[in-house]
Amino acid sequence: MVVIIMGVSGSGKTTIGKLLAARLRCGYSDADEFHPRANIEKMSRGEALGDADREPWLRAMRAAIQTVLAGGRTHVFSCSALRERYRDALARPGDDVVFVHLDVSYETVMQRLARRRGHFFDPALARSQFQTLEAPRRGIVVDAERTPGEIVDRIVADLARGREPAAH
């Protein structure tokens, strides 16, 4: 099974992804690891990525997801996956992939980004991420205003109940 923790930058994807992977005793990968250098440089300059920029990133992510699925392992990825078509590129119908959307307010994201150090994401891009975000039609939605422990507890409980995968 692959669990993809999704949401805008500052929603808590990395924190929750690492905690969830520890709880599930499985591997963890951050989507930032799959970005080409040009994408990181672009975002560092405060420029939003376009669909063409995202294509090689999505292909690399999909390859990693396929490797996990082929090996029959459990793995947690954190990935913005803001649009339905990006999620469709990551997970095909029948894949054992569950998307977990960390739902959070713009105000909370801005507070979190103001405290974050050493990350390439320019906080000025936050508004464009909220504008781009298409809420998933399937999967798990979690209130990311809660504590990390509460969020992980909720995700684990929903996974145990067998929430249907977001891929369709």
C-alpha atoms as a PDB file:
ATOM      1  CA  MET A   1       0.000   0.000   0.000  1.00  0.00           C
ATOM      2  CA  VAL A   2       1.132   3.531  -0.769  1.00  0.00           C
ATOM      3  CA  VAL A   3      -0.159   6.434   1.303  1.00  0.00           C
ATOM      4  CA  ILE A   4       0.298   9.887  -0.216  1.00  0.00           C
ATOM      5  CA  ILE A   5       0.028  12.759   2.254  1.00  0.00           C
ATOM      6  CA  MET A   6      -1.105  15.694   0.126  1.00  0.00           C
ATOM      7  CA  GLY A   7      -1.860  19.375   0.544  1.00  0.00           C
ATOM      8  CA  VAL A   8      -0.465  22.839   0.117  1.00  0.00           C
ATOM      9  CA  SER A   9       3.003  23.787   1.307  1.00  0.00           C
ATOM     10  CA  GLY A  10       2.899  24.345   5.054  1.00  0.00           C
ATOM     11  CA  SER A  11       0.003  21.947   5.632  1.00  0.00           C
ATOM     12  CA  GLY A  12       2.257  19.542   7.531  1.00  0.00           C
ATOM     13  CA  LYS A  13       2.945  16.930   4.855  1.00  0.00           C
ATOM     14  CA  THR A  14       6.529  16.207   5.884  1.00  0.00           C
ATOM     15  CA  THR A  15       5.818  16.143   9.615  1.00  0.00           C
ATOM     16  CA  ILE A  16       2.751  13.936   9.249  1.00  0.00           C
ATOM     17  CA  GLY A  17       4.359  11.737   6.595  1.00  0.00           C
ATOM     18  CA  LYS A  18       7.364  10.946   8.781  1.00  0.00           C
ATOM     19  CA  LEU A  19       5.213  10.320  11.857  1.00  0.00           C
ATOM     20  CA  LEU A  20       2.822   8.092   9.907  1.00  0.00           C
ATOM     21  CA  ALA A  21       5.689   6.098   8.387  1.00  0.00           C
ATOM     22  CA  ALA A  22       7.135   5.561  11.864  1.00  0.00           C
ATOM     23  CA  ARG A  23       3.736   4.427  13.151  1.00  0.00           C
ATOM     24  CA  LEU A  24       3.252   2.058  10.198  1.00  0.00           C
ATOM     25  CA  ARG A  25       6.898   0.935  10.396  1.00  0.00           C
ATOM     26  CA  CYS A  26       7.460   1.592   6.722  1.00  0.00           C
ATOM     27  CA  GLY A  27       9.512   3.759   4.396  1.00  0.00           C
ATOM     28  CA  TYR A  28       8.998   7.464   3.795  1.00  0.00           C
ATOM     29  CA  SER A  29       9.851   9.732   0.860  1.00  0.00           C
ATOM     30  CA  ASP A  30       9.291  13.441   0.360  1.00  0.00           C
ATOM     31  CA  ALA A  31       8.258  14.549  -3.126  1.00  0.00           C
ATOM     32  CA  ASP A  32      10.825  17.336  -2.919  1.00  0.00           C
ATOM     33  CA  GLU A  33      13.477  14.627  -3.415  1.00  0.00           C
ATOM     34  CA  PHE A  34      12.092  13.997  -6.915  1.00  0.00           C
ATOM     35  CA  HIS A  35      12.110  17.608  -8.200  1.00  0.00           C
ATOM     36  CA  PRO A  36      14.633  18.452 -10.893  1.00  0.00           C
ATOM     37  CA  ARG A  37      17.123  21.129  -9.830  1.00  0.00           C
ATOM     38  CA  ALA A  38      15.483  23.631 -12.227  1.00  0.00           C
ATOM     39  CA  ASN A  39      12.165  23.325 -10.354  1.00  0.00           C
ATOM     40  CA  ILE A  40      13.793  23.958  -6.989  1.00  0.00           C
ATOM     41  CA  GLU A  41      15.602  27.007  -8.360  1.00  0.00           C
ATOM     42  CA  LYS A  42      12.379  28.330  -9.878  1.00  0.00           C
ATOM     43  CA  MET A  43      10.417  27.968  -6.621  1.00  0.00           C
ATOM     44  CA  SER A  44      13.315  29.521  -4.677  1.00  0.00           C
ATOM     45  CA  ARG A  45      12.898  32.619  -6.845  1.00  0.00           C
ATOM     46  CA  GLY A  46       9.200  32.771  -5.965  1.00  0.00           C
ATOM     47  CA  GLU A  47       8.038  31.494  -9.357  1.00  0.00           C
ATOM     48  CA  ALA A  48       5.139  29.048  -9.427  1.00  0.00           C
ATOM     49  CA  LEU A  49       5.658  25.815 -11.325  1.00  0.00           C
ATOM     50  CA  GLY A  50       3.627  25.198 -14.451  1.00  0.00           C
ATOM     51  CA  ASP A  51       2.338  21.861 -15.666  1.00  0.00           C
ATOM     52  CA  ALA A  52       5.357  21.411 -17.957  1.00  0.00           C
ATOM     53  CA  ASP A  53       7.658  21.873 -14.947  1.00  0.00           C
ATOM     54  CA  ARG A  54       5.755  19.233 -13.022  1.00  0.00           C
ATOM     55  CA  GLU A  55       5.863  16.515 -15.717  1.00  0.00           C
ATOM     56  CA  PRO A  56       9.371  15.124 -14.980  1.00  0.00           C
ATOM     57  CA  TRP A  57       8.661  15.355 -11.251  1.00  0.00           C
ATOM     58  CA  LEU A  58       5.394  13.418 -11.573  1.00  0.00           C
ATOM     59  CA  ARG A  59       7.086  10.776 -13.758  1.00  0.00           C
ATOM     60  CA  ALA A  60       9.828  10.279 -11.165  1.00  0.00           C
ATOM     61  CA  MET A  61       7.263  10.043  -8.377  1.00  0.00           C
ATOM     62  CA  ARG A  62       5.158   7.558 -10.357  1.00  0.00           C
ATOM     63  CA  ALA A  63       8.221   5.377 -10.963  1.00  0.00           C
ATOM     64  CA  ALA A  64       8.973   5.312  -7.225  1.00  0.00           C
ATOM     65  CA  ILE A  65       5.343   4.472  -6.426  1.00  0.00           C
ATOM     66  CA  GLN A  66       5.341   1.652  -8.997  1.00  0.00           C
ATOM     67  CA  THR A  67       8.506   0.211  -7.450  1.00  0.00           C
ATOM     68  CA  VAL A  68       6.888   0.159  -4.009  1.00  0.00           C
ATOM     69  CA  LEU A  69       3.679  -1.399  -5.330  1.00  0.00           C
ATOM     70  CA  ALA A  70       5.578  -4.042  -7.313  1.00  0.00           C
ATOM     71  CA  GLY A  71       7.477  -4.975  -4.160  1.00  0.00           C
ATOM     72  CA  GLY A  72       4.287  -5.354  -2.143  1.00  0.00           C
ATOM     73  CA  ARG A  73       5.525  -3.002   0.554  1.00  0.00           C
ATOM     74  CA  THR A  74       3.916  -0.145   2.447  1.00  0.00           C
ATOM     75  CA  HIS A  75       5.404   3.310   1.918  1.00  0.00           C
ATOM     76  CA  VAL A  76       4.382   6.865   2.778  1.00  0.00           C
ATOM     77  CA  PHE A  77       5.050   9.734   0.388  1.00  0.00           C
ATOM     78  CA  SER A  78       4.405  13.401   1.015  1.00  0.00           C
ATOM     79  CA  CYS A  79       3.469  15.264  -2.148  1.00  0.00           C
ATOM     80  CA  SER A  80       1.415  18.381  -2.828  1.00  0.00           C
ATOM     81  CA  ALA A  81      -0.661  16.574  -5.517  1.00  0.00           C
ATOM     82  CA  LEU A  82      -2.773  19.723  -5.792  1.00  0.00           C
ATOM     83  CA  ARG A  83      -4.725  18.847  -8.932  1.00  0.00           C
ATOM     84  CA  GLU A  84      -6.799  15.801  -9.772  1.00  0.00           C
ATOM     85  CA  ARG A  85      -4.751  15.210 -12.913  1.00  0.00           C
ATOM     86  CA  TYR A  86      -1.537  15.135 -10.859  1.00  0.00           C
ATOM     87  CA  ARG A  87      -3.109  12.527  -8.578  1.00  0.00           C
ATOM     88  CA  ASP A  88      -4.216  10.581 -11.660  1.00  0.00           C
ATOM     89  CA  ALA A  89      -0.596  10.659 -12.892  1.00  0.00           C
ATOM     90  CA  LEU A  90       0.605   9.222  -9.577  1.00  0.00           C
ATOM     91  CA  ALA A  91      -1.995   6.481  -9.102  1.00  0.00           C
ATOM     92  CA  ARG A  92      -3.771   4.373 -11.701  1.00  0.00           C
ATOM     93  CA  PRO A  93      -7.132   2.626 -11.302  1.00  0.00           C
ATOM     94  CA  GLY A  94      -6.686  -0.463  -9.174  1.00  0.00           C
ATOM     95  CA  ASP A  95      -3.465   0.729  -7.541  1.00  0.00           C
ATOM     96  CA  ASP A  96      -3.323   0.260  -3.776  1.00  0.00           C
ATOM     97  CA  VAL A  97      -2.801   3.991  -3.233  1.00  0.00           C
ATOM     98  CA  VAL A  98      -4.622   6.167  -0.707  1.00  0.00           C
ATOM     99  CA  PHE A  99      -4.454   9.956  -0.788  1.00  0.00           C
ATOM    100  CA  VAL A 100      -4.692  11.776   2.546  1.00  0.00           C
ATOM    101  CA  HIS A 101      -5.542  15.456   2.155  1.00  0.00           C
ATOM    102  CA  LEU A 102      -4.315  17.683   4.988  1.00  0.00           C
ATOM    103  CA  ASP A 103      -7.004  20.365   5.026  1.00  0.00           C
ATOM    104  CA  VAL A 104      -5.706  23.595   6.556  1.00  0.00           C
ATOM    105  CA  SER A 105      -6.513  27.313   6.470  1.00  0.00           C
ATOM    106  CA  TYR A 106      -4.467  29.905   4.615  1.00  0.00           C
ATOM    107  CA  GLU A 107      -3.837  31.747   7.891  1.00  0.00           C
ATOM    108  CA  THR A 108      -2.391  28.654   9.557  1.00  0.00           C
ATOM    109  CA  VAL A 109      -0.185  27.939   6.545  1.00  0.00           C
ATOM    110  CA  MET A 110       1.198  31.472   6.585  1.00  0.00           C
ATOM    111  CA  GLN A 111       2.009  31.174  10.306  1.00  0.00           C
ATOM    112  CA  ARG A 112       3.777  27.867   9.731  1.00  0.00           C
ATOM    113  CA  LEU A 113       5.724  29.112   6.717  1.00  0.00           C
ATOM    114  CA  ALA A 114       6.883  32.165   8.694  1.00  0.00           C
ATOM    115  CA  ARG A 115       8.456  29.789  11.250  1.00  0.00           C
ATOM    116  CA  ARG A 116      10.008  27.409   8.716  1.00  0.00           C
ATOM    117  CA  ARG A 117      13.736  27.698   8.088  1.00  0.00           C
ATOM    118  CA  GLY A 118      15.979  26.179   5.448  1.00  0.00           C
ATOM    119  CA  HIS A 119      13.313  25.258   2.895  1.00  0.00           C
ATOM    120  CA  PHE A 120      13.391  26.421  -0.718  1.00  0.00           C
ATOM    121  CA  PHE A 121       9.647  27.182  -0.950  1.00  0.00           C
ATOM    122  CA  ASP A 122       8.927  30.916  -1.114  1.00  0.00           C
ATOM    123  CA  PRO A 123       5.944  31.700   1.178  1.00  0.00           C
ATOM    124  CA  ALA A 124       4.715  34.172  -1.451  1.00  0.00           C
ATOM    125  CA  LEU A 125       3.629  31.125  -3.480  1.00  0.00           C
ATOM    126  CA  ALA A 126       1.159  29.942  -0.826  1.00  0.00           C
ATOM    127  CA  ARG A 127      -1.822  31.793  -2.275  1.00  0.00           C
ATOM    128  CA  SER A 128      -1.232  30.268  -5.722  1.00  0.00           C
ATOM    129  CA  GLN A 129      -1.201  26.798  -4.148  1.00  0.00           C
ATOM    130  CA  PHE A 130      -4.593  27.388  -2.534  1.00  0.00           C
ATOM    131  CA  GLN A 131      -5.904  28.622  -5.890  1.00  0.00           C
ATOM    132  CA  THR A 132      -4.539  25.528  -7.651  1.00  0.00           C
ATOM    133  CA  LEU A 133      -5.793  23.020  -5.056  1.00  0.00           C
ATOM    134  CA  GLU A 134      -8.600  20.741  -6.238  1.00  0.00           C
ATOM    135  CA  ALA A 135     -10.001  18.830  -3.276  1.00  0.00           C
ATOM    136  CA  PRO A 136      -9.813  15.085  -3.869  1.00  0.00           C
ATOM    137  CA  ARG A 137     -13.057  13.263  -4.597  1.00  0.00           C
ATOM    138  CA  ARG A 138     -11.916  10.142  -2.764  1.00  0.00           C
ATOM    139  CA  GLY A 139      -9.463   9.223  -0.064  1.00  0.00           C
ATOM    140  CA  ILE A 140      -9.083  10.618   3.430  1.00  0.00           C
ATOM    141  CA  VAL A 141      -9.491  14.263   4.433  1.00  0.00           C
ATOM    142  CA  VAL A 142      -8.006  15.294   7.768  1.00  0.00           C
ATOM    143  CA  ASP A 143      -8.307  18.570   9.669  1.00  0.00           C
ATOM    144  CA  ALA A 144      -4.651  19.644   9.714  1.00  0.00           C
ATOM    145  CA  GLU A 145      -5.319  22.304  12.347  1.00  0.00           C
ATOM    146  CA  ARG A 146      -5.129  19.478  14.929  1.00  0.00           C
ATOM    147  CA  THR A 147      -1.946  18.264  16.617  1.00  0.00           C
ATOM    148  CA  PRO A 148       0.345  15.962  14.631  1.00  0.00           C
ATOM    149  CA  GLY A 149      -0.458  13.079  16.989  1.00  0.00           C
ATOM    150  CA  GLU A 150      -4.204  13.536  16.526  1.00  0.00           C
ATOM    151  CA  ILE A 151      -3.796  13.729  12.758  1.00  0.00           C
ATOM    152  CA  VAL A 152      -1.765  10.517  12.600  1.00  0.00           C
ATOM    153  CA  ASP A 153      -4.243   8.746  14.910  1.00  0.00           C
ATOM    154  CA  ARG A 154      -7.073   9.734  12.572  1.00  0.00           C
ATOM    155  CA  ILE A 155      -5.223   8.556   9.468  1.00  0.00           C
ATOM    156  CA  VAL A 156      -4.322   5.206  11.048  1.00  0.00           C
ATOM    157  CA  ALA A 157      -7.943   4.694  12.140  1.00  0.00           C
ATOM    158  CA  ASP A 158      -9.253   5.536   8.661  1.00  0.00           C
ATOM    159  CA  LEU A 159      -6.721   3.227   6.995  1.00  0.00           C
ATOM    160  CA  ALA A 160      -7.741   0.426   9.368  1.00  0.00           C
ATOM    161  CA  ARG A 161     -11.378   0.960   8.374  1.00  0.00           C
ATOM    162  CA  GLY A 162     -10.349   0.376   4.781  1.00  0.00           C
ATOM    163  CA  ARG A 163     -11.081   3.755   3.208  1.00  0.00           C
ATOM    164  CA  GLU A 164     -11.218   3.317  -0.544  1.00  0.00           C
ATOM    165  CA  PRO A 165      -8.149   4.340  -2.539  1.00  0.00           C
ATOM    166  CA  ALA A 166      -8.239   7.722  -4.245  1.00  0.00           C
ATOM    167  CA  ALA A 167      -7.179   6.273  -7.596  1.00  0.00           C
ATOM    168  CA  HIS A 168     -10.118   5.617  -9.900  1.00  0.00           C
END
